[in-house]
Amino acid sequence: MDFNPYSILAGIVFGTLGWGAFSYGKRLELWQPRAIGLGLMVYPYFIANRWLLWLIGTGLLVLLWFFHDE
């Protein structure tokens, strides 16, 4: 993990949103938001490039938008 401010901010932002998505999926017993939330919480530890970090996080959030259940 790279400890520059952008990586730390991305980890906090996407980790918090991932925790929310995971708890949302757990509460409604949906596996898609739960898996995407887990991915959002874990992936910042493995990506060092800051542009790729923000791109993957944004992509996962868009994916979450399509797989939420109303």
PDB file of N, CA and C in Angstrom:
ATOM      1  N   MET A   1       0.843  -1.177   0.000  1.00  0.00           N
ATOM      2  CA  MET A   1       0.000   0.000   0.000  1.00  0.00           C
ATOM      3  C   MET A   1       0.878   1.226   0.000  1.00  0.00           C
ATOM      4  N   ASP A   2       0.503   2.194  -0.814  1.00  0.00           N
ATOM      5  CA  ASP A   2       1.229   3.447  -0.914  1.00  0.00           C
ATOM      6  C   ASP A   2       0.627   4.435   0.084  1.00  0.00           C
ATOM      7  N   PHE A   3       1.484   5.095   0.850  1.00  0.00           N
ATOM      8  CA  PHE A   3       0.993   5.984   1.898  1.00  0.00           C
ATOM      9  C   PHE A   3       1.051   7.445   1.488  1.00  0.00           C
ATOM     10  N   ASN A   4       0.577   7.762   0.280  1.00  0.00           N
ATOM     11  CA  ASN A   4       0.439   9.167  -0.076  1.00  0.00           C
ATOM     12  C   ASN A   4      -0.979   9.612   0.278  1.00  0.00           C
ATOM     13  N   PRO A   5      -1.221  10.913   0.375  1.00  0.00           N
ATOM     14  CA  PRO A   5      -2.543  11.390   0.818  1.00  0.00           C
ATOM     15  C   PRO A   5      -3.707  10.918  -0.047  1.00  0.00           C
ATOM     16  N   TYR A   6      -3.481  10.789  -1.359  1.00  0.00           N
ATOM     17  CA  TYR A   6      -4.561  10.347  -2.244  1.00  0.00           C
ATOM     18  C   TYR A   6      -4.945   8.884  -1.991  1.00  0.00           C
ATOM     19  N   SER A   7      -3.980   8.058  -1.721  1.00  0.00           N
ATOM     20  CA  SER A   7      -4.265   6.652  -1.426  1.00  0.00           C
ATOM     21  C   SER A   7      -4.968   6.498  -0.090  1.00  0.00           C
ATOM     22  N   ILE A   8      -4.551   7.268   0.885  1.00  0.00           N
ATOM     23  CA  ILE A   8      -5.199   7.213   2.193  1.00  0.00           C
ATOM     24  C   ILE A   8      -6.631   7.714   2.096  1.00  0.00           C
ATOM     25  N   LEU A   9      -6.850   8.815   1.377  1.00  0.00           N
ATOM     26  CA  LEU A   9      -8.201   9.341   1.197  1.00  0.00           C
ATOM     27  C   LEU A   9      -9.086   8.350   0.447  1.00  0.00           C
ATOM     28  N   ALA A  10      -8.541   7.736  -0.606  1.00  0.00           N
ATOM     29  CA  ALA A  10      -9.315   6.743  -1.357  1.00  0.00           C
ATOM     30  C   ALA A  10      -9.653   5.551  -0.480  1.00  0.00           C
ATOM     31  N   GLY A  11      -8.718   5.107   0.350  1.00  0.00           N
ATOM     32  CA  GLY A  11      -8.994   3.991   1.252  1.00  0.00           C
ATOM     33  C   GLY A  11     -10.094   4.310   2.243  1.00  0.00           C
ATOM     34  N   ILE A  12     -10.085   5.522   2.763  1.00  0.00           N
ATOM     35  CA  ILE A  12     -11.121   5.919   3.721  1.00  0.00           C
ATOM     36  C   ILE A  12     -12.478   6.049   3.028  1.00  0.00           C
ATOM     37  N   VAL A  13     -12.495   6.737   1.891  1.00  0.00           N
ATOM     38  CA  VAL A  13     -13.764   6.956   1.179  1.00  0.00           C
ATOM     39  C   VAL A  13     -14.373   5.645   0.708  1.00  0.00           C
ATOM     40  N   PHE A  14     -13.595   4.852  -0.016  1.00  0.00           N
ATOM     41  CA  PHE A  14     -14.143   3.619  -0.577  1.00  0.00           C
ATOM     42  C   PHE A  14     -14.348   2.550   0.492  1.00  0.00           C
ATOM     43  N   GLY A  15     -13.550   2.564   1.539  1.00  0.00           N
ATOM     44  CA  GLY A  15     -13.763   1.634   2.646  1.00  0.00           C
ATOM     45  C   GLY A  15     -15.057   1.918   3.389  1.00  0.00           C
ATOM     46  N   THR A  16     -15.342   3.200   3.612  1.00  0.00           N
ATOM     47  CA  THR A  16     -16.585   3.577   4.283  1.00  0.00           C
ATOM     48  C   THR A  16     -17.802   3.241   3.423  1.00  0.00           C
ATOM     49  N   LEU A  17     -17.724   3.569   2.143  1.00  0.00           N
ATOM     50  CA  LEU A  17     -18.832   3.236   1.243  1.00  0.00           C
ATOM     51  C   LEU A  17     -18.991   1.725   1.092  1.00  0.00           C
ATOM     52  N   GLY A  18     -17.889   1.011   1.102  1.00  0.00           N
ATOM     53  CA  GLY A  18     -17.940  -0.446   1.030  1.00  0.00           C
ATOM     54  C   GLY A  18     -18.565  -1.060   2.260  1.00  0.00           C
ATOM     55  N   TRP A  19     -18.242  -0.503   3.425  1.00  0.00           N
ATOM     56  CA  TRP A  19     -18.862  -0.987   4.660  1.00  0.00           C
ATOM     57  C   TRP A  19     -20.367  -0.760   4.626  1.00  0.00           C
ATOM     58  N   GLY A  20     -20.791   0.396   4.122  1.00  0.00           N
ATOM     59  CA  GLY A  20     -22.226   0.676   3.990  1.00  0.00           C
ATOM     60  C   GLY A  20     -22.908  -0.267   3.026  1.00  0.00           C
ATOM     61  N   ALA A  21     -22.263  -0.535   1.897  1.00  0.00           N
ATOM     62  CA  ALA A  21     -22.837  -1.462   0.909  1.00  0.00           C
ATOM     63  C   ALA A  21     -22.894  -2.878   1.458  1.00  0.00           C
ATOM     64  N   PHE A  22     -21.859  -3.283   2.188  1.00  0.00           N
ATOM     65  CA  PHE A  22     -21.836  -4.618   2.770  1.00  0.00           C
ATOM     66  C   PHE A  22     -22.955  -4.785   3.798  1.00  0.00           C
ATOM     67  N   SER A  23     -23.138  -3.802   4.666  1.00  0.00           N
ATOM     68  CA  SER A  23     -24.199  -3.912   5.670  1.00  0.00           C
ATOM     69  C   SER A  23     -25.584  -3.825   5.026  1.00  0.00           C
ATOM     70  N   TYR A  24     -25.722  -3.041   3.960  1.00  0.00           N
ATOM     71  CA  TYR A  24     -26.973  -2.968   3.213  1.00  0.00           C
ATOM     72  C   TYR A  24     -27.316  -4.331   2.607  1.00  0.00           C
ATOM     73  N   GLY A  25     -26.340  -4.964   1.966  1.00  0.00           N
ATOM     74  CA  GLY A  25     -26.559  -6.282   1.373  1.00  0.00           C
ATOM     75  C   GLY A  25     -26.833  -7.341   2.414  1.00  0.00           C
ATOM     76  N   LYS A  26     -26.186  -7.222   3.557  1.00  0.00           N
ATOM     77  CA  LYS A  26     -26.413  -8.192   4.637  1.00  0.00           C
ATOM     78  C   LYS A  26     -27.819  -8.043   5.217  1.00  0.00           C
ATOM     79  N   ARG A  27     -28.254  -6.794   5.384  1.00  0.00           N
ATOM     80  CA  ARG A  27     -29.576  -6.542   5.945  1.00  0.00           C
ATOM     81  C   ARG A  27     -30.690  -7.055   5.028  1.00  0.00           C
ATOM     82  N   LEU A  28     -30.517  -6.874   3.706  1.00  0.00           N
ATOM     83  CA  LEU A  28     -31.534  -7.318   2.753  1.00  0.00           C
ATOM     84  C   LEU A  28     -31.269  -8.718   2.201  1.00  0.00           C
ATOM     85  N   GLU A  29     -30.197  -9.353   2.665  1.00  0.00           N
ATOM     86  CA  GLU A  29     -29.805 -10.692   2.228  1.00  0.00           C
ATOM     87  C   GLU A  29     -29.602 -10.766   0.717  1.00  0.00           C
ATOM     88  N   LEU A  30     -28.859  -9.779   0.188  1.00  0.00           N
ATOM     89  CA  LEU A  30     -28.505  -9.733  -1.229  1.00  0.00           C
ATOM     90  C   LEU A  30     -27.007  -9.949  -1.360  1.00  0.00           C
ATOM     91  N   TRP A  31     -26.602 -10.856  -2.229  1.00  0.00           N
ATOM     92  CA  TRP A  31     -25.181 -11.146  -2.320  1.00  0.00           C
ATOM     93  C   TRP A  31     -24.419 -10.141  -3.168  1.00  0.00           C
ATOM     94  N   GLN A  32     -25.059  -9.486  -4.151  1.00  0.00           N
ATOM     95  CA  GLN A  32     -24.347  -8.551  -5.013  1.00  0.00           C
ATOM     96  C   GLN A  32     -23.827  -7.327  -4.246  1.00  0.00           C
ATOM     97  N   PRO A  33     -24.661  -6.603  -3.496  1.00  0.00           N
ATOM     98  CA  PRO A  33     -24.113  -5.465  -2.741  1.00  0.00           C
ATOM     99  C   PRO A  33     -23.114  -5.901  -1.674  1.00  0.00           C
ATOM    100  N   ARG A  34     -23.307  -7.072  -1.113  1.00  0.00           N
ATOM    101  CA  ARG A  34     -22.375  -7.584  -0.111  1.00  0.00           C
ATOM    102  C   ARG A  34     -21.007  -7.851  -0.721  1.00  0.00           C
ATOM    103  N   ALA A  35     -20.974  -8.455  -1.904  1.00  0.00           N
ATOM    104  CA  ALA A  35     -19.704  -8.751  -2.577  1.00  0.00           C
ATOM    105  C   ALA A  35     -19.018  -7.464  -3.054  1.00  0.00           C
ATOM    106  N   ILE A  36     -19.792  -6.538  -3.604  1.00  0.00           N
ATOM    107  CA  ILE A  36     -19.218  -5.266  -4.061  1.00  0.00           C
ATOM    108  C   ILE A  36     -18.698  -4.471  -2.869  1.00  0.00           C
ATOM    109  N   GLY A  37     -19.418  -4.473  -1.769  1.00  0.00           N
ATOM    110  CA  GLY A  37     -18.963  -3.787  -0.563  1.00  0.00           C
ATOM    111  C   GLY A  37     -17.675  -4.374  -0.022  1.00  0.00           C
ATOM    112  N   LEU A  38     -17.573  -5.688  -0.039  1.00  0.00           N
ATOM    113  CA  LEU A  38     -16.344  -6.342   0.405  1.00  0.00           C
ATOM    114  C   LEU A  38     -15.182  -5.985  -0.529  1.00  0.00           C
ATOM    115  N   GLY A  39     -15.470  -5.945  -1.817  1.00  0.00           N
ATOM    116  CA  GLY A  39     -14.448  -5.541  -2.778  1.00  0.00           C
ATOM    117  C   GLY A  39     -13.990  -4.111  -2.566  1.00  0.00           C
ATOM    118  N   LEU A  40     -14.939  -3.204  -2.274  1.00  0.00           N
ATOM    119  CA  LEU A  40     -14.577  -1.814  -2.015  1.00  0.00           C
ATOM    120  C   LEU A  40     -13.728  -1.661  -0.757  1.00  0.00           C
ATOM    121  N   MET A  41     -13.958  -2.496   0.222  1.00  0.00           N
ATOM    122  CA  MET A  41     -13.177  -2.402   1.455  1.00  0.00           C
ATOM    123  C   MET A  41     -11.779  -2.981   1.300  1.00  0.00           C
ATOM    124  N   VAL A  42     -11.614  -3.978   0.430  1.00  0.00           N
ATOM    125  CA  VAL A  42     -10.351  -4.715   0.374  1.00  0.00           C
ATOM    126  C   VAL A  42      -9.402  -4.214  -0.716  1.00  0.00           C
ATOM    127  N   TYR A  43      -9.913  -3.821  -1.868  1.00  0.00           N
ATOM    128  CA  TYR A  43      -9.034  -3.559  -3.005  1.00  0.00           C
ATOM    129  C   TYR A  43      -8.025  -2.436  -2.788  1.00  0.00           C
ATOM    130  N   PRO A  44      -8.274  -1.375  -1.989  1.00  0.00           N
ATOM    131  CA  PRO A  44      -7.247  -0.329  -1.848  1.00  0.00           C
ATOM    132  C   PRO A  44      -5.925  -0.823  -1.256  1.00  0.00           C
ATOM    133  N   TYR A  45      -5.940  -1.955  -0.584  1.00  0.00           N
ATOM    134  CA  TYR A  45      -4.704  -2.497  -0.022  1.00  0.00           C
ATOM    135  C   TYR A  45      -3.781  -3.097  -1.088  1.00  0.00           C
ATOM    136  N   PHE A  46      -4.328  -3.398  -2.264  1.00  0.00           N
ATOM    137  CA  PHE A  46      -3.561  -4.094  -3.290  1.00  0.00           C
ATOM    138  C   PHE A  46      -3.218  -3.239  -4.504  1.00  0.00           C
ATOM    139  N   ILE A  47      -3.748  -2.039  -4.602  1.00  0.00           N
ATOM    140  CA  ILE A  47      -3.517  -1.171  -5.752  1.00  0.00           C
ATOM    141  C   ILE A  47      -2.607  -0.020  -5.331  1.00  0.00           C
ATOM    142  N   ALA A  48      -1.496   0.163  -6.021  1.00  0.00           N
ATOM    143  CA  ALA A  48      -0.541   1.207  -5.667  1.00  0.00           C
ATOM    144  C   ALA A  48      -0.707   2.472  -6.512  1.00  0.00           C
ATOM    145  N   ASN A  49      -1.169   2.331  -7.741  1.00  0.00           N
ATOM    146  CA  ASN A  49      -1.332   3.482  -8.627  1.00  0.00           C
ATOM    147  C   ASN A  49      -2.573   4.272  -8.217  1.00  0.00           C
ATOM    148  N   ARG A  50      -2.403   5.573  -7.953  1.00  0.00           N
ATOM    149  CA  ARG A  50      -3.536   6.351  -7.431  1.00  0.00           C
ATOM    150  C   ARG A  50      -4.636   6.554  -8.459  1.00  0.00           C
ATOM    151  N   TRP A  51      -4.295   6.679  -9.743  1.00  0.00           N
ATOM    152  CA  TRP A  51      -5.338   6.838 -10.761  1.00  0.00           C
ATOM    153  C   TRP A  51      -6.139   5.549 -10.913  1.00  0.00           C
ATOM    154  N   LEU A  52      -5.465   4.444 -10.884  1.00  0.00           N
ATOM    155  CA  LEU A  52      -6.137   3.154 -10.975  1.00  0.00           C
ATOM    156  C   LEU A  52      -6.988   2.903  -9.733  1.00  0.00           C
ATOM    157  N   LEU A  53      -6.515   3.361  -8.589  1.00  0.00           N
ATOM    158  CA  LEU A  53      -7.252   3.221  -7.334  1.00  0.00           C
ATOM    159  C   LEU A  53      -8.603   3.934  -7.404  1.00  0.00           C
ATOM    160  N   TRP A  54      -8.585   5.179  -7.879  1.00  0.00           N
ATOM    161  CA  TRP A  54      -9.824   5.943  -7.994  1.00  0.00           C
ATOM    162  C   TRP A  54     -10.705   5.417  -9.123  1.00  0.00           C
ATOM    163  N   LEU A  55     -10.115   4.928 -10.198  1.00  0.00           N
ATOM    164  CA  LEU A  55     -10.887   4.406 -11.319  1.00  0.00           C
ATOM    165  C   LEU A  55     -11.618   3.119 -10.936  1.00  0.00           C
ATOM    166  N   ILE A  56     -10.941   2.213 -10.264  1.00  0.00           N
ATOM    167  CA  ILE A  56     -11.575   0.963  -9.834  1.00  0.00           C
ATOM    168  C   ILE A  56     -12.664   1.249  -8.803  1.00  0.00           C
ATOM    169  N   GLY A  57     -12.400   2.147  -7.870  1.00  0.00           N
ATOM    170  CA  GLY A  57     -13.402   2.494  -6.862  1.00  0.00           C
ATOM    171  C   GLY A  57     -14.651   3.094  -7.476  1.00  0.00           C
ATOM    172  N   THR A  58     -14.466   3.989  -8.433  1.00  0.00           N
ATOM    173  CA  THR A  58     -15.610   4.583  -9.114  1.00  0.00           C
ATOM    174  C   THR A  58     -16.368   3.528  -9.913  1.00  0.00           C
ATOM    175  N   GLY A  59     -15.644   2.634 -10.559  1.00  0.00           N
ATOM    176  CA  GLY A  59     -16.289   1.553 -11.303  1.00  0.00           C
ATOM    177  C   GLY A  59     -17.094   0.629 -10.407  1.00  0.00           C
ATOM    178  N   LEU A  60     -16.555   0.317  -9.238  1.00  0.00           N
ATOM    179  CA  LEU A  60     -17.302  -0.534  -8.307  1.00  0.00           C
ATOM    180  C   LEU A  60     -18.540   0.175  -7.772  1.00  0.00           C
ATOM    181  N   LEU A  61     -18.450   1.486  -7.566  1.00  0.00           N
ATOM    182  CA  LEU A  61     -19.629   2.232  -7.117  1.00  0.00           C
ATOM    183  C   LEU A  61     -20.700   2.291  -8.201  1.00  0.00           C
ATOM    184  N   VAL A  62     -20.286   2.421  -9.455  1.00  0.00           N
ATOM    185  CA  VAL A  62     -21.255   2.378 -10.561  1.00  0.00           C
ATOM    186  C   VAL A  62     -21.886   1.001 -10.639  1.00  0.00           C
ATOM    187  N   LEU A  63     -21.089  -0.034 -10.462  1.00  0.00           N
ATOM    188  CA  LEU A  63     -21.613  -1.398 -10.451  1.00  0.00           C
ATOM    189  C   LEU A  63     -22.607  -1.592  -9.298  1.00  0.00           C
ATOM    190  N   LEU A  64     -22.296  -1.003  -8.162  1.00  0.00           N
ATOM    191  CA  LEU A  64     -23.207  -1.076  -7.018  1.00  0.00           C
ATOM    192  C   LEU A  64     -24.532  -0.385  -7.336  1.00  0.00           C
ATOM    193  N   TRP A  65     -24.490   0.701  -8.070  1.00  0.00           N
ATOM    194  CA  TRP A  65     -25.703   1.425  -8.431  1.00  0.00           C
ATOM    195  C   TRP A  65     -26.626   0.532  -9.261  1.00  0.00           C
ATOM    196  N   PHE A  66     -26.070  -0.278 -10.140  1.00  0.00           N
ATOM    197  CA  PHE A  66     -26.894  -1.143 -10.980  1.00  0.00           C
ATOM    198  C   PHE A  66     -27.394  -2.385 -10.245  1.00  0.00           C
ATOM    199  N   PHE A  67     -26.741  -2.789  -9.166  1.00  0.00           N
ATOM    200  CA  PHE A  67     -27.139  -4.003  -8.465  1.00  0.00           C
ATOM    201  C   PHE A  67     -27.804  -3.748  -7.123  1.00  0.00           C
ATOM    202  N   HIS A  68     -28.225  -2.521  -6.853  1.00  0.00           N
ATOM    203  CA  HIS A  68     -28.951  -2.312  -5.596  1.00  0.00           C
ATOM    204  C   HIS A  68     -30.415  -2.681  -5.830  1.00  0.00           C
ATOM    205  N   ASP A  69     -31.096  -2.970  -4.770  1.00  0.00           N
ATOM    206  CA  ASP A  69     -32.487  -3.418  -4.877  1.00  0.00           C
ATOM    207  C   ASP A  69     -33.375  -2.429  -4.149  1.00  0.00           C
ATOM    208  N   GLU A  70     -34.371  -1.941  -4.870  1.00  0.00           N
ATOM    209  CA  GLU A  70     -35.298  -0.991  -4.242  1.00  0.00           C
ATOM    210  C   GLU A  70     -36.666  -1.595  -4.110  1.00  0.00           C
TER     211      GLU A  70
END
